[in-house]
Amino acid sequence: EVFGLMSAAQHEGEVRLGVPHDIIMPNIPPVLRRFDHAYPKVRLTLVSSTTKLLLDDLANGVIDLMLSTLPATPEAAELLLADQLVWVGGRGGDAHTRTPLPLSLGEETCMFRAVSTKLLAEADRDWRPVCTVGTWEPVHATLVADLAVMPMLRSSVPADLAIIGPEAGLPALPAYNINMHFPATGRSVLAEELAQMIRQEFKSRYGSQRAAEMKARVAA
């Protein structure tokens, strides 16, 4: 009876996880599944938005744990993956050759939107918006249909899209980090358990090579 009361299945409550739209796949579904199986009485809520808005939600107590995509890792955050922003488009497509360049972009608060359009302006490359919503499905549809290109983290590029190489003449994009953030105060036990599953998922998915790269960047 005591063992049963102490087991994971007895935990109840809620944990709210915030994740930017463009890094939910492929990293988050396996974590959600494992957490749900381990804590069947816990209500797990996934909140998807941009990094900027999720940081506001974390500070205001709307979510208990979040991931971010930022050019660096803040002192209070934990680096999960050092990644590279790349241009992507439909497989065998030619959208990247068109002028003006057709872009599918996130909402105004999307950091990738700001950095990519800034670099295009510096390269004197005209562009036009094709899809500017914050949800993945319509953006993905325009890419698969070869109507547009967009910036994505290399680790998040799905199999039905292709990375556009430097020979295409698009400006090089910067590196970005995937970070994990807790609230400044009041970490819950459930959020800690979910965070550990996220760490394990990133470690198993990206392996020791990524771990070594992360350590090097943290040291720098």
N, C-alpha and C. Protein backbone atom coordinates (compact mmCIF):
# COMPACT_ATOMS: atom_id res chain seq x y z
N GLU A 1 0.83 -1.21 0.00
CA GLU A 1 0.00 0.00 0.00
C GLU A 1 0.86 1.26 0.00
N VAL A 2 1.91 1.25 0.85
CA VAL A 2 2.83 2.40 0.89
C VAL A 2 3.53 2.57 -0.45
N PHE A 3 3.99 1.46 -1.03
CA PHE A 3 4.66 1.51 -2.33
C PHE A 3 3.73 2.10 -3.38
N GLY A 4 2.46 1.70 -3.35
CA GLY A 4 1.51 2.20 -4.33
C GLY A 4 1.31 3.70 -4.20
N LEU A 5 1.25 4.18 -2.97
CA LEU A 5 1.06 5.61 -2.75
C LEU A 5 2.26 6.41 -3.23
N MET A 6 3.44 5.78 -3.22
CA MET A 6 4.67 6.48 -3.62
C MET A 6 4.96 6.35 -5.11
N SER A 7 4.23 5.51 -5.82
CA SER A 7 4.55 5.23 -7.22
C SER A 7 4.12 6.40 -8.11
N ALA A 8 4.70 6.44 -9.32
CA ALA A 8 4.41 7.52 -10.26
C ALA A 8 2.94 7.58 -10.62
N ALA A 9 2.31 6.42 -10.71
CA ALA A 9 0.91 6.39 -11.13
C ALA A 9 0.00 7.14 -10.16
N GLN A 10 0.45 7.35 -8.91
CA GLN A 10 -0.38 8.01 -7.92
C GLN A 10 -0.31 9.54 -8.01
N HIS A 11 0.66 10.06 -8.76
CA HIS A 11 0.79 11.51 -8.89
C HIS A 11 -0.42 12.08 -9.62
N GLU A 12 -0.92 13.20 -9.11
CA GLU A 12 -2.01 13.90 -9.75
C GLU A 12 -1.64 15.37 -9.87
N GLY A 13 -2.34 16.08 -10.76
CA GLY A 13 -2.08 17.49 -10.94
C GLY A 13 -1.99 17.86 -12.40
N GLU A 14 -1.27 18.92 -12.69
CA GLU A 14 -1.14 19.41 -14.06
C GLU A 14 0.26 19.95 -14.27
N VAL A 15 0.78 19.73 -15.45
CA VAL A 15 2.04 20.35 -15.86
C VAL A 15 1.84 20.92 -17.25
N ARG A 16 2.30 22.15 -17.44
CA ARG A 16 2.08 22.87 -18.70
C ARG A 16 3.43 23.13 -19.37
N LEU A 17 3.58 22.58 -20.56
CA LEU A 17 4.84 22.66 -21.32
C LEU A 17 4.67 23.59 -22.52
N GLY A 18 5.56 24.57 -22.64
CA GLY A 18 5.55 25.47 -23.79
C GLY A 18 6.67 25.14 -24.76
N VAL A 19 6.33 25.01 -26.04
CA VAL A 19 7.31 24.66 -27.08
C VAL A 19 7.04 25.50 -28.33
N PRO A 20 8.06 26.12 -28.91
CA PRO A 20 7.86 26.82 -30.18
C PRO A 20 7.32 25.88 -31.26
N HIS A 21 6.50 26.44 -32.16
CA HIS A 21 5.85 25.63 -33.19
C HIS A 21 6.82 24.74 -33.95
N ASP A 22 7.96 25.31 -34.32
CA ASP A 22 8.82 24.65 -35.30
C ASP A 22 9.78 23.63 -34.70
N ILE A 23 9.75 23.39 -33.38
CA ILE A 23 10.60 22.33 -32.83
C ILE A 23 9.79 21.26 -32.10
N ILE A 24 8.47 21.31 -32.27
CA ILE A 24 7.65 20.24 -31.69
C ILE A 24 8.02 18.90 -32.33
N MET A 25 8.12 18.89 -33.65
CA MET A 25 8.52 17.69 -34.36
C MET A 25 10.01 17.76 -34.65
N PRO A 26 10.72 16.66 -34.50
CA PRO A 26 10.27 15.32 -34.08
C PRO A 26 10.48 15.06 -32.58
N ASN A 27 10.84 16.08 -31.82
CA ASN A 27 11.34 15.86 -30.47
C ASN A 27 10.27 15.62 -29.40
N ILE A 28 9.14 16.27 -29.52
CA ILE A 28 8.21 16.32 -28.39
C ILE A 28 7.20 15.17 -28.31
N PRO A 29 6.63 14.66 -29.41
CA PRO A 29 5.64 13.58 -29.29
C PRO A 29 6.12 12.37 -28.48
N PRO A 30 7.36 11.86 -28.66
CA PRO A 30 7.79 10.72 -27.84
C PRO A 30 7.84 11.06 -26.34
N VAL A 31 8.19 12.30 -26.02
CA VAL A 31 8.24 12.71 -24.62
C VAL A 31 6.84 12.75 -24.03
N LEU A 32 5.90 13.31 -24.77
CA LEU A 32 4.52 13.38 -24.28
C LEU A 32 3.96 11.99 -24.03
N ARG A 33 4.26 11.08 -24.93
CA ARG A 33 3.76 9.71 -24.80
C ARG A 33 4.33 9.04 -23.54
N ARG A 34 5.65 9.15 -23.34
CA ARG A 34 6.26 8.52 -22.19
C ARG A 34 5.75 9.12 -20.88
N PHE A 35 5.61 10.44 -20.85
CA PHE A 35 5.14 11.09 -19.63
C PHE A 35 3.71 10.67 -19.32
N ASP A 36 2.87 10.59 -20.34
CA ASP A 36 1.48 10.19 -20.13
C ASP A 36 1.38 8.78 -19.59
N HIS A 37 2.24 7.89 -20.09
CA HIS A 37 2.23 6.51 -19.61
C HIS A 37 2.76 6.43 -18.16
N ALA A 38 3.75 7.24 -17.85
CA ALA A 38 4.34 7.20 -16.51
C ALA A 38 3.44 7.86 -15.47
N TYR A 39 2.69 8.90 -15.87
CA TYR A 39 1.87 9.66 -14.94
C TYR A 39 0.44 9.79 -15.50
N PRO A 40 -0.30 8.70 -15.53
CA PRO A 40 -1.62 8.72 -16.17
C PRO A 40 -2.64 9.62 -15.50
N LYS A 41 -2.42 9.98 -14.25
CA LYS A 41 -3.37 10.84 -13.55
C LYS A 41 -3.01 12.32 -13.64
N VAL A 42 -1.91 12.63 -14.32
CA VAL A 42 -1.48 14.02 -14.46
C VAL A 42 -1.99 14.59 -15.77
N ARG A 43 -2.55 15.78 -15.71
CA ARG A 43 -3.01 16.46 -16.92
C ARG A 43 -1.84 17.22 -17.54
N LEU A 44 -1.42 16.79 -18.71
CA LEU A 44 -0.29 17.40 -19.42
C LEU A 44 -0.83 18.30 -20.53
N THR A 45 -0.46 19.57 -20.49
CA THR A 45 -0.92 20.54 -21.47
C THR A 45 0.26 21.04 -22.29
N LEU A 46 0.13 21.00 -23.61
CA LEU A 46 1.16 21.52 -24.52
C LEU A 46 0.71 22.88 -25.04
N VAL A 47 1.53 23.89 -24.80
CA VAL A 47 1.27 25.25 -25.29
C VAL A 47 2.28 25.55 -26.38
N SER A 48 1.81 25.88 -27.58
CA SER A 48 2.70 26.14 -28.71
C SER A 48 2.59 27.60 -29.13
N SER A 49 3.73 28.27 -29.23
CA SER A 49 3.76 29.68 -29.61
C SER A 49 5.18 30.01 -30.05
N THR A 50 5.53 31.28 -30.09
CA THR A 50 6.89 31.68 -30.39
C THR A 50 7.69 31.79 -29.10
N THR A 51 9.01 31.75 -29.23
CA THR A 51 9.87 31.85 -28.05
C THR A 51 9.58 33.11 -27.23
N LYS A 52 9.44 34.23 -27.90
CA LYS A 52 9.20 35.49 -27.19
C LYS A 52 7.94 35.41 -26.33
N LEU A 53 6.84 34.92 -26.89
CA LEU A 53 5.59 34.86 -26.15
C LEU A 53 5.64 33.80 -25.06
N LEU A 54 6.33 32.69 -25.31
CA LEU A 54 6.45 31.65 -24.29
C LEU A 54 7.27 32.13 -23.09
N LEU A 55 8.30 32.92 -23.34
CA LEU A 55 9.07 33.48 -22.23
C LEU A 55 8.20 34.37 -21.36
N ASP A 56 7.30 35.12 -21.99
CA ASP A 56 6.36 35.94 -21.23
C ASP A 56 5.42 35.05 -20.41
N ASP A 57 4.94 33.95 -21.04
CA ASP A 57 4.05 33.03 -20.33
C ASP A 57 4.74 32.41 -19.12
N LEU A 58 6.02 32.06 -19.29
CA LEU A 58 6.76 31.46 -18.19
C LEU A 58 6.91 32.45 -17.03
N ALA A 59 7.23 33.68 -17.36
CA ALA A 59 7.40 34.71 -16.32
C ALA A 59 6.08 35.00 -15.60
N ASN A 60 4.96 34.83 -16.31
CA ASN A 60 3.65 35.14 -15.73
C ASN A 60 2.97 33.93 -15.12
N GLY A 61 3.67 32.77 -15.08
CA GLY A 61 3.11 31.60 -14.45
C GLY A 61 2.08 30.85 -15.27
N VAL A 62 2.01 31.14 -16.57
CA VAL A 62 1.04 30.47 -17.43
C VAL A 62 1.50 29.05 -17.77
N ILE A 63 2.81 28.84 -17.84
CA ILE A 63 3.39 27.52 -18.11
C ILE A 63 4.42 27.19 -17.05
N ASP A 64 4.73 25.89 -16.92
CA ASP A 64 5.64 25.42 -15.87
C ASP A 64 7.04 25.09 -16.37
N LEU A 65 7.17 24.96 -17.68
CA LEU A 65 8.44 24.54 -18.29
C LEU A 65 8.35 24.91 -19.75
N MET A 66 9.48 25.28 -20.36
CA MET A 66 9.41 25.63 -21.78
C MET A 66 10.73 25.36 -22.48
N LEU A 67 10.64 25.22 -23.79
CA LEU A 67 11.81 25.18 -24.67
C LEU A 67 11.84 26.48 -25.46
N SER A 68 13.04 26.88 -25.85
CA SER A 68 13.19 28.09 -26.64
C SER A 68 14.16 27.86 -27.78
N THR A 69 14.09 28.72 -28.77
CA THR A 69 15.11 28.78 -29.82
C THR A 69 15.69 30.19 -29.79
N LEU A 70 16.97 30.28 -29.40
CA LEU A 70 17.63 31.56 -29.22
C LEU A 70 19.05 31.49 -29.79
N PRO A 71 19.63 32.64 -30.15
CA PRO A 71 21.01 32.63 -30.65
C PRO A 71 22.02 32.17 -29.62
N ALA A 72 21.67 32.23 -28.34
CA ALA A 72 22.56 31.80 -27.26
C ALA A 72 21.72 31.14 -26.18
N THR A 73 22.39 30.73 -25.09
CA THR A 73 21.70 30.12 -23.96
C THR A 73 21.80 31.06 -22.76
N PRO A 74 20.67 31.61 -22.30
CA PRO A 74 20.72 32.49 -21.13
C PRO A 74 21.29 31.76 -19.91
N GLU A 75 21.81 32.50 -18.99
CA GLU A 75 22.48 31.92 -17.82
C GLU A 75 21.56 31.00 -17.03
N ALA A 76 20.29 31.36 -16.94
CA ALA A 76 19.35 30.57 -16.13
C ALA A 76 18.76 29.39 -16.89
N ALA A 77 19.07 29.26 -18.19
CA ALA A 77 18.49 28.19 -19.01
C ALA A 77 19.49 27.05 -19.17
N GLU A 78 19.01 25.96 -19.75
CA GLU A 78 19.82 24.76 -19.97
C GLU A 78 19.89 24.46 -21.47
N LEU A 79 21.08 24.32 -21.99
CA LEU A 79 21.25 24.03 -23.41
C LEU A 79 20.94 22.57 -23.70
N LEU A 80 20.02 22.34 -24.63
CA LEU A 80 19.67 20.99 -25.05
C LEU A 80 20.35 20.61 -26.36
N LEU A 81 20.44 21.57 -27.28
CA LEU A 81 21.00 21.26 -28.60
C LEU A 81 21.51 22.53 -29.27
N ALA A 82 22.75 22.50 -29.73
CA ALA A 82 23.30 23.56 -30.56
C ALA A 82 23.01 23.20 -32.01
N ASP A 83 22.26 24.02 -32.70
CA ASP A 83 21.78 23.66 -34.03
C ASP A 83 22.09 24.77 -35.03
N GLN A 84 21.71 24.53 -36.29
CA GLN A 84 21.99 25.48 -37.36
C GLN A 84 20.70 25.82 -38.09
N LEU A 85 20.47 27.10 -38.30
CA LEU A 85 19.33 27.54 -39.09
C LEU A 85 19.67 27.38 -40.57
N VAL A 86 18.76 26.77 -41.33
CA VAL A 86 19.00 26.51 -42.76
C VAL A 86 17.75 26.90 -43.55
N TRP A 87 17.95 27.12 -44.85
CA TRP A 87 16.84 27.35 -45.75
C TRP A 87 16.28 26.00 -46.20
N VAL A 88 14.96 25.88 -46.25
CA VAL A 88 14.34 24.64 -46.71
C VAL A 88 13.24 24.96 -47.72
N GLY A 89 12.96 23.95 -48.55
CA GLY A 89 11.89 24.06 -49.55
C GLY A 89 11.44 22.68 -49.97
N GLY A 90 10.55 22.64 -50.94
CA GLY A 90 10.05 21.37 -51.44
C GLY A 90 11.13 20.57 -52.14
N ARG A 91 11.06 19.25 -52.03
CA ARG A 91 12.04 18.38 -52.69
C ARG A 91 11.94 18.55 -54.21
N GLY A 92 13.10 18.81 -54.85
CA GLY A 92 13.13 19.01 -56.29
C GLY A 92 12.51 20.31 -56.74
N GLY A 93 12.24 21.21 -55.80
CA GLY A 93 11.57 22.46 -56.15
C GLY A 93 12.53 23.54 -56.63
N ASP A 94 11.94 24.63 -57.13
CA ASP A 94 12.76 25.75 -57.61
C ASP A 94 12.28 27.08 -57.04
N ALA A 95 11.50 27.05 -55.98
CA ALA A 95 11.00 28.30 -55.40
C ALA A 95 12.14 29.23 -55.01
N HIS A 96 13.28 28.65 -54.62
CA HIS A 96 14.41 29.48 -54.17
C HIS A 96 15.06 30.26 -55.31
N THR A 97 14.71 29.94 -56.57
CA THR A 97 15.30 30.64 -57.71
C THR A 97 14.47 31.83 -58.16
N ARG A 98 13.29 31.99 -57.61
CA ARG A 98 12.36 33.01 -58.09
C ARG A 98 12.67 34.39 -57.49
N THR A 99 12.29 35.40 -58.25
CA THR A 99 12.46 36.78 -57.80
C THR A 99 11.13 37.52 -57.97
N PRO A 100 10.64 38.13 -56.89
CA PRO A 100 11.19 38.11 -55.53
C PRO A 100 11.07 36.72 -54.90
N LEU A 101 11.92 36.47 -53.90
CA LEU A 101 11.95 35.17 -53.25
C LEU A 101 10.65 34.96 -52.46
N PRO A 102 9.89 33.88 -52.73
CA PRO A 102 8.67 33.62 -51.96
C PRO A 102 8.99 33.00 -50.61
N LEU A 103 8.53 33.62 -49.54
CA LEU A 103 8.84 33.16 -48.19
C LEU A 103 7.58 32.80 -47.42
N SER A 104 7.63 31.67 -46.74
CA SER A 104 6.64 31.34 -45.73
C SER A 104 7.27 31.63 -44.38
N LEU A 105 6.64 32.47 -43.60
CA LEU A 105 7.23 32.97 -42.36
C LEU A 105 6.24 32.82 -41.22
N GLY A 106 6.76 32.77 -40.02
CA GLY A 106 5.91 32.75 -38.84
C GLY A 106 5.33 34.13 -38.57
N GLU A 107 4.67 34.23 -37.42
CA GLU A 107 4.08 35.51 -37.05
C GLU A 107 5.16 36.53 -36.69
N GLU A 108 4.74 37.75 -36.42
CA GLU A 108 5.66 38.86 -36.22
C GLU A 108 6.67 38.60 -35.10
N THR A 109 6.28 37.84 -34.08
CA THR A 109 7.17 37.60 -32.94
C THR A 109 8.16 36.47 -33.19
N CYS A 110 8.13 35.84 -34.37
CA CYS A 110 9.05 34.74 -34.67
C CYS A 110 10.46 35.28 -34.91
N MET A 111 11.44 34.78 -34.17
CA MET A 111 12.81 35.25 -34.30
C MET A 111 13.43 34.88 -35.64
N PHE A 112 13.06 33.70 -36.16
CA PHE A 112 13.61 33.27 -37.44
C PHE A 112 13.15 34.21 -38.56
N ARG A 113 11.94 34.70 -38.45
CA ARG A 113 11.42 35.65 -39.44
C ARG A 113 12.27 36.91 -39.46
N ALA A 114 12.56 37.45 -38.29
CA ALA A 114 13.31 38.70 -38.21
C ALA A 114 14.72 38.55 -38.77
N VAL A 115 15.40 37.47 -38.37
CA VAL A 115 16.80 37.32 -38.80
C VAL A 115 16.90 37.01 -40.29
N SER A 116 15.98 36.21 -40.83
CA SER A 116 16.07 35.84 -42.24
C SER A 116 15.76 37.03 -43.15
N THR A 117 14.75 37.81 -42.81
CA THR A 117 14.43 38.97 -43.65
C THR A 117 15.51 40.05 -43.55
N LYS A 118 16.13 40.17 -42.39
CA LYS A 118 17.25 41.12 -42.24
C LYS A 118 18.41 40.72 -43.14
N LEU A 119 18.75 39.43 -43.15
CA LEU A 119 19.86 38.97 -43.97
C LEU A 119 19.54 39.07 -45.46
N LEU A 120 18.31 38.84 -45.84
CA LEU A 120 17.92 39.01 -47.24
C LEU A 120 18.05 40.47 -47.66
N ALA A 121 17.67 41.39 -46.78
CA ALA A 121 17.80 42.81 -47.10
C ALA A 121 19.26 43.20 -47.26
N GLU A 122 20.11 42.66 -46.38
CA GLU A 122 21.54 42.97 -46.47
C GLU A 122 22.16 42.40 -47.74
N ALA A 123 21.59 41.28 -48.23
CA ALA A 123 22.08 40.66 -49.47
C ALA A 123 21.42 41.26 -50.70
N ASP A 124 20.56 42.27 -50.51
CA ASP A 124 19.85 42.93 -51.60
C ASP A 124 18.99 41.93 -52.40
N ARG A 125 18.35 41.01 -51.67
CA ARG A 125 17.48 40.01 -52.29
C ARG A 125 16.03 40.33 -51.95
N ASP A 126 15.26 40.69 -52.97
CA ASP A 126 13.85 40.99 -52.75
C ASP A 126 13.09 39.73 -52.37
N TRP A 127 12.06 39.88 -51.54
CA TRP A 127 11.25 38.74 -51.14
C TRP A 127 9.79 39.17 -51.01
N ARG A 128 8.90 38.19 -51.01
CA ARG A 128 7.48 38.46 -50.81
C ARG A 128 6.91 37.38 -49.89
N PRO A 129 5.96 37.73 -49.04
CA PRO A 129 5.37 36.74 -48.14
C PRO A 129 4.36 35.85 -48.86
N VAL A 130 4.37 34.58 -48.51
CA VAL A 130 3.40 33.63 -49.06
C VAL A 130 2.44 33.16 -47.97
N CYS A 131 3.00 32.82 -46.80
CA CYS A 131 2.19 32.36 -45.67
C CYS A 131 2.81 32.91 -44.40
N THR A 132 2.02 33.60 -43.59
CA THR A 132 2.57 34.25 -42.41
C THR A 132 1.82 33.87 -41.13
N VAL A 133 1.26 32.68 -41.11
CA VAL A 133 0.55 32.23 -39.91
C VAL A 133 1.53 31.56 -38.96
N GLY A 134 1.09 31.35 -37.70
CA GLY A 134 1.98 30.77 -36.70
C GLY A 134 1.85 29.28 -36.54
N THR A 135 0.96 28.64 -37.30
CA THR A 135 0.78 27.20 -37.19
C THR A 135 1.50 26.48 -38.33
N TRP A 136 1.92 25.23 -38.07
CA TRP A 136 2.79 24.52 -38.98
C TRP A 136 2.10 24.02 -40.24
N GLU A 137 0.87 23.54 -40.15
CA GLU A 137 0.24 22.86 -41.28
C GLU A 137 0.16 23.72 -42.55
N PRO A 138 -0.35 24.95 -42.50
CA PRO A 138 -0.40 25.75 -43.73
C PRO A 138 0.98 26.13 -44.25
N VAL A 139 1.91 26.42 -43.35
CA VAL A 139 3.28 26.73 -43.77
C VAL A 139 3.89 25.52 -44.48
N HIS A 140 3.73 24.35 -43.87
CA HIS A 140 4.27 23.12 -44.44
C HIS A 140 3.68 22.86 -45.82
N ALA A 141 2.39 23.11 -46.00
CA ALA A 141 1.74 22.89 -47.28
C ALA A 141 2.36 23.74 -48.39
N THR A 142 2.68 25.00 -48.08
CA THR A 142 3.28 25.86 -49.11
C THR A 142 4.69 25.40 -49.48
N LEU A 143 5.40 24.83 -48.52
CA LEU A 143 6.76 24.35 -48.80
C LEU A 143 6.71 23.09 -49.65
N VAL A 144 5.89 22.13 -49.26
CA VAL A 144 5.78 20.88 -50.03
C VAL A 144 5.32 21.16 -51.45
N ALA A 145 4.42 22.15 -51.62
CA ALA A 145 3.90 22.50 -52.93
C ALA A 145 4.89 23.33 -53.77
N ASP A 146 6.06 23.64 -53.20
CA ASP A 146 7.09 24.44 -53.87
C ASP A 146 6.60 25.85 -54.18
N LEU A 147 5.78 26.37 -53.27
CA LEU A 147 5.33 27.75 -53.41
C LEU A 147 6.23 28.73 -52.68
N ALA A 148 7.08 28.22 -51.76
CA ALA A 148 7.88 29.12 -50.93
C ALA A 148 9.04 28.36 -50.30
N VAL A 149 9.94 29.11 -49.69
CA VAL A 149 11.01 28.56 -48.86
C VAL A 149 10.89 29.20 -47.48
N MET A 150 11.60 28.65 -46.50
CA MET A 150 11.59 29.24 -45.17
C MET A 150 12.82 28.82 -44.40
N PRO A 151 13.19 29.55 -43.31
CA PRO A 151 14.28 29.12 -42.44
C PRO A 151 13.78 28.14 -41.40
N MET A 152 14.55 27.07 -41.15
CA MET A 152 14.23 26.08 -40.12
C MET A 152 15.51 25.61 -39.47
N LEU A 153 15.40 25.11 -38.25
CA LEU A 153 16.53 24.45 -37.64
C LEU A 153 16.77 23.11 -38.33
N ARG A 154 18.03 22.79 -38.56
CA ARG A 154 18.37 21.57 -39.29
C ARG A 154 17.75 20.33 -38.66
N SER A 155 17.72 20.27 -37.33
CA SER A 155 17.21 19.08 -36.65
C SER A 155 15.71 18.90 -36.82
N SER A 156 15.01 19.95 -37.26
CA SER A 156 13.55 19.90 -37.36
C SER A 156 13.05 19.72 -38.79
N VAL A 157 13.95 19.63 -39.76
CA VAL A 157 13.53 19.52 -41.16
C VAL A 157 12.90 18.15 -41.40
N PRO A 158 11.63 18.09 -41.81
CA PRO A 158 10.99 16.79 -42.05
C PRO A 158 11.48 16.14 -43.35
N ALA A 159 11.21 14.86 -43.48
CA ALA A 159 11.72 14.09 -44.61
C ALA A 159 11.16 14.55 -45.95
N ASP A 160 9.99 15.18 -45.96
CA ASP A 160 9.39 15.58 -47.24
C ASP A 160 9.83 16.97 -47.69
N LEU A 161 10.80 17.56 -46.97
CA LEU A 161 11.38 18.83 -47.39
C LEU A 161 12.88 18.67 -47.60
N ALA A 162 13.48 19.61 -48.31
CA ALA A 162 14.92 19.54 -48.62
C ALA A 162 15.62 20.79 -48.13
N ILE A 163 16.84 20.61 -47.64
CA ILE A 163 17.68 21.74 -47.26
C ILE A 163 18.28 22.35 -48.52
N ILE A 164 18.19 23.66 -48.63
CA ILE A 164 18.71 24.38 -49.80
C ILE A 164 20.16 24.75 -49.52
N GLY A 165 21.07 24.26 -50.35
CA GLY A 165 22.49 24.45 -50.14
C GLY A 165 22.97 25.85 -50.47
N PRO A 166 24.23 26.18 -50.11
CA PRO A 166 24.77 27.52 -50.35
C PRO A 166 24.90 27.87 -51.83
N GLU A 167 24.92 26.84 -52.70
CA GLU A 167 25.03 27.12 -54.13
C GLU A 167 23.80 27.86 -54.66
N ALA A 168 22.70 27.87 -53.91
CA ALA A 168 21.49 28.56 -54.34
C ALA A 168 21.63 30.08 -54.23
N GLY A 169 22.65 30.53 -53.50
CA GLY A 169 22.88 31.97 -53.40
C GLY A 169 22.09 32.69 -52.32
N LEU A 170 21.38 31.95 -51.49
CA LEU A 170 20.67 32.59 -50.38
C LEU A 170 21.67 32.91 -49.26
N PRO A 171 21.43 33.97 -48.50
CA PRO A 171 22.39 34.33 -47.44
C PRO A 171 22.49 33.24 -46.38
N ALA A 172 23.70 33.03 -45.86
CA ALA A 172 23.91 32.05 -44.80
C ALA A 172 23.18 32.48 -43.54
N LEU A 173 22.59 31.52 -42.86
CA LEU A 173 21.83 31.78 -41.64
C LEU A 173 22.65 31.43 -40.41
N PRO A 174 22.36 32.03 -39.27
CA PRO A 174 23.17 31.81 -38.07
C PRO A 174 22.81 30.51 -37.33
N ALA A 175 23.65 30.17 -36.37
CA ALA A 175 23.37 29.04 -35.47
C ALA A 175 22.38 29.49 -34.41
N TYR A 176 21.62 28.52 -33.93
CA TYR A 176 20.66 28.77 -32.85
C TYR A 176 20.74 27.64 -31.84
N ASN A 177 20.36 27.92 -30.60
CA ASN A 177 20.33 26.92 -29.55
C ASN A 177 18.89 26.57 -29.19
N ILE A 178 18.65 25.29 -28.92
CA ILE A 178 17.40 24.88 -28.31
C ILE A 178 17.67 24.77 -26.82
N ASN A 179 16.95 25.57 -26.03
CA ASN A 179 17.18 25.66 -24.59
C ASN A 179 15.95 25.20 -23.81
N MET A 180 16.17 24.86 -22.55
CA MET A 180 15.06 24.54 -21.66
C MET A 180 15.06 25.53 -20.50
N HIS A 181 13.87 26.03 -20.16
CA HIS A 181 13.73 27.05 -19.13
C HIS A 181 12.72 26.62 -18.07
N PHE A 182 13.06 26.88 -16.81
CA PHE A 182 12.14 26.73 -15.69
C PHE A 182 11.73 28.13 -15.22
N PRO A 183 10.64 28.22 -14.45
CA PRO A 183 10.32 29.52 -13.84
C PRO A 183 11.43 29.95 -12.88
N ALA A 184 11.52 31.23 -12.62
CA ALA A 184 12.55 31.74 -11.71
C ALA A 184 12.38 31.17 -10.31
N THR A 185 11.15 30.90 -9.91
CA THR A 185 10.87 30.29 -8.60
C THR A 185 9.74 29.27 -8.76
N GLY A 186 9.69 28.32 -7.85
CA GLY A 186 8.55 27.42 -7.77
C GLY A 186 8.55 26.28 -8.78
N ARG A 187 9.68 25.62 -8.96
CA ARG A 187 9.70 24.44 -9.83
C ARG A 187 8.86 23.32 -9.21
N SER A 188 8.01 22.70 -10.01
CA SER A 188 7.20 21.59 -9.50
C SER A 188 7.92 20.27 -9.75
N VAL A 189 7.57 19.27 -8.94
CA VAL A 189 8.14 17.93 -9.11
C VAL A 189 7.78 17.37 -10.48
N LEU A 190 6.56 17.60 -10.91
CA LEU A 190 6.12 17.09 -12.21
C LEU A 190 6.89 17.75 -13.36
N ALA A 191 7.14 19.05 -13.25
CA ALA A 191 7.92 19.73 -14.28
C ALA A 191 9.35 19.20 -14.32
N GLU A 192 9.91 18.89 -13.17
CA GLU A 192 11.26 18.30 -13.11
C GLU A 192 11.28 16.93 -13.79
N GLU A 193 10.25 16.12 -13.56
CA GLU A 193 10.17 14.81 -14.20
C GLU A 193 10.05 14.93 -15.70
N LEU A 194 9.22 15.86 -16.16
CA LEU A 194 9.06 16.08 -17.60
C LEU A 194 10.36 16.58 -18.21
N ALA A 195 11.06 17.47 -17.50
CA ALA A 195 12.34 17.99 -17.99
C ALA A 195 13.35 16.87 -18.17
N GLN A 196 13.38 15.92 -17.25
CA GLN A 196 14.31 14.81 -17.35
C GLN A 196 14.02 13.95 -18.59
N MET A 197 12.74 13.76 -18.88
CA MET A 197 12.38 13.00 -20.09
C MET A 197 12.79 13.75 -21.35
N ILE A 198 12.69 15.07 -21.33
CA ILE A 198 13.12 15.88 -22.48
C ILE A 198 14.62 15.76 -22.67
N ARG A 199 15.38 15.83 -21.58
CA ARG A 199 16.84 15.66 -21.66
C ARG A 199 17.19 14.31 -22.28
N GLN A 200 16.54 13.27 -21.81
CA GLN A 200 16.81 11.93 -22.31
C GLN A 200 16.49 11.80 -23.79
N GLU A 201 15.40 12.43 -24.22
CA GLU A 201 15.01 12.37 -25.63
C GLU A 201 16.05 13.04 -26.51
N PHE A 202 16.51 14.22 -26.12
CA PHE A 202 17.51 14.92 -26.92
C PHE A 202 18.83 14.16 -26.93
N LYS A 203 19.20 13.59 -25.80
CA LYS A 203 20.45 12.83 -25.73
C LYS A 203 20.39 11.60 -26.62
N SER A 204 19.29 10.87 -26.57
CA SER A 204 19.18 9.65 -27.38
C SER A 204 19.04 9.96 -28.87
N ARG A 205 18.40 11.08 -29.19
CA ARG A 205 18.16 11.41 -30.59
C ARG A 205 19.40 11.98 -31.27
N TYR A 206 20.17 12.79 -30.55
CA TYR A 206 21.28 13.50 -31.20
C TYR A 206 22.65 12.98 -30.80
N GLY A 207 22.74 12.16 -29.77
CA GLY A 207 23.94 11.41 -29.49
C GLY A 207 25.10 12.20 -28.95
N SER A 208 26.23 11.49 -28.81
CA SER A 208 27.41 12.04 -28.15
C SER A 208 28.06 13.15 -28.97
N GLN A 209 27.92 13.11 -30.28
CA GLN A 209 28.53 14.16 -31.11
C GLN A 209 27.91 15.51 -30.78
N ARG A 210 26.58 15.54 -30.65
CA ARG A 210 25.90 16.77 -30.29
C ARG A 210 26.26 17.19 -28.86
N ALA A 211 26.39 16.21 -27.99
CA ALA A 211 26.73 16.53 -26.60
C ALA A 211 28.08 17.20 -26.51
N ALA A 212 29.05 16.71 -27.28
CA ALA A 212 30.37 17.32 -27.29
C ALA A 212 30.31 18.74 -27.84
N GLU A 213 29.50 18.93 -28.87
CA GLU A 213 29.36 20.26 -29.45
C GLU A 213 28.73 21.23 -28.45
N MET A 214 27.73 20.74 -27.72
CA MET A 214 27.08 21.57 -26.73
C MET A 214 28.05 22.01 -25.64
N LYS A 215 28.86 21.06 -25.15
CA LYS A 215 29.82 21.39 -24.11
C LYS A 215 30.81 22.43 -24.58
N ALA A 216 31.24 22.31 -25.82
CA ALA A 216 32.21 23.26 -26.37
C ALA A 216 31.61 24.67 -26.44
N ARG A 217 30.33 24.74 -26.84
CA ARG A 217 29.70 26.04 -26.96
C ARG A 217 29.43 26.65 -25.60
N VAL A 218 29.09 25.82 -24.63
CA VAL A 218 28.88 26.35 -23.28
C VAL A 218 30.18 26.92 -22.74
N ALA A 219 31.29 26.19 -22.95
CA ALA A 219 32.60 26.66 -22.48
C ALA A 219 32.99 27.97 -23.14
N ALA A 220 32.62 28.12 -24.42
CA ALA A 220 32.97 29.35 -25.14
C ALA A 220 32.17 30.53 -24.61
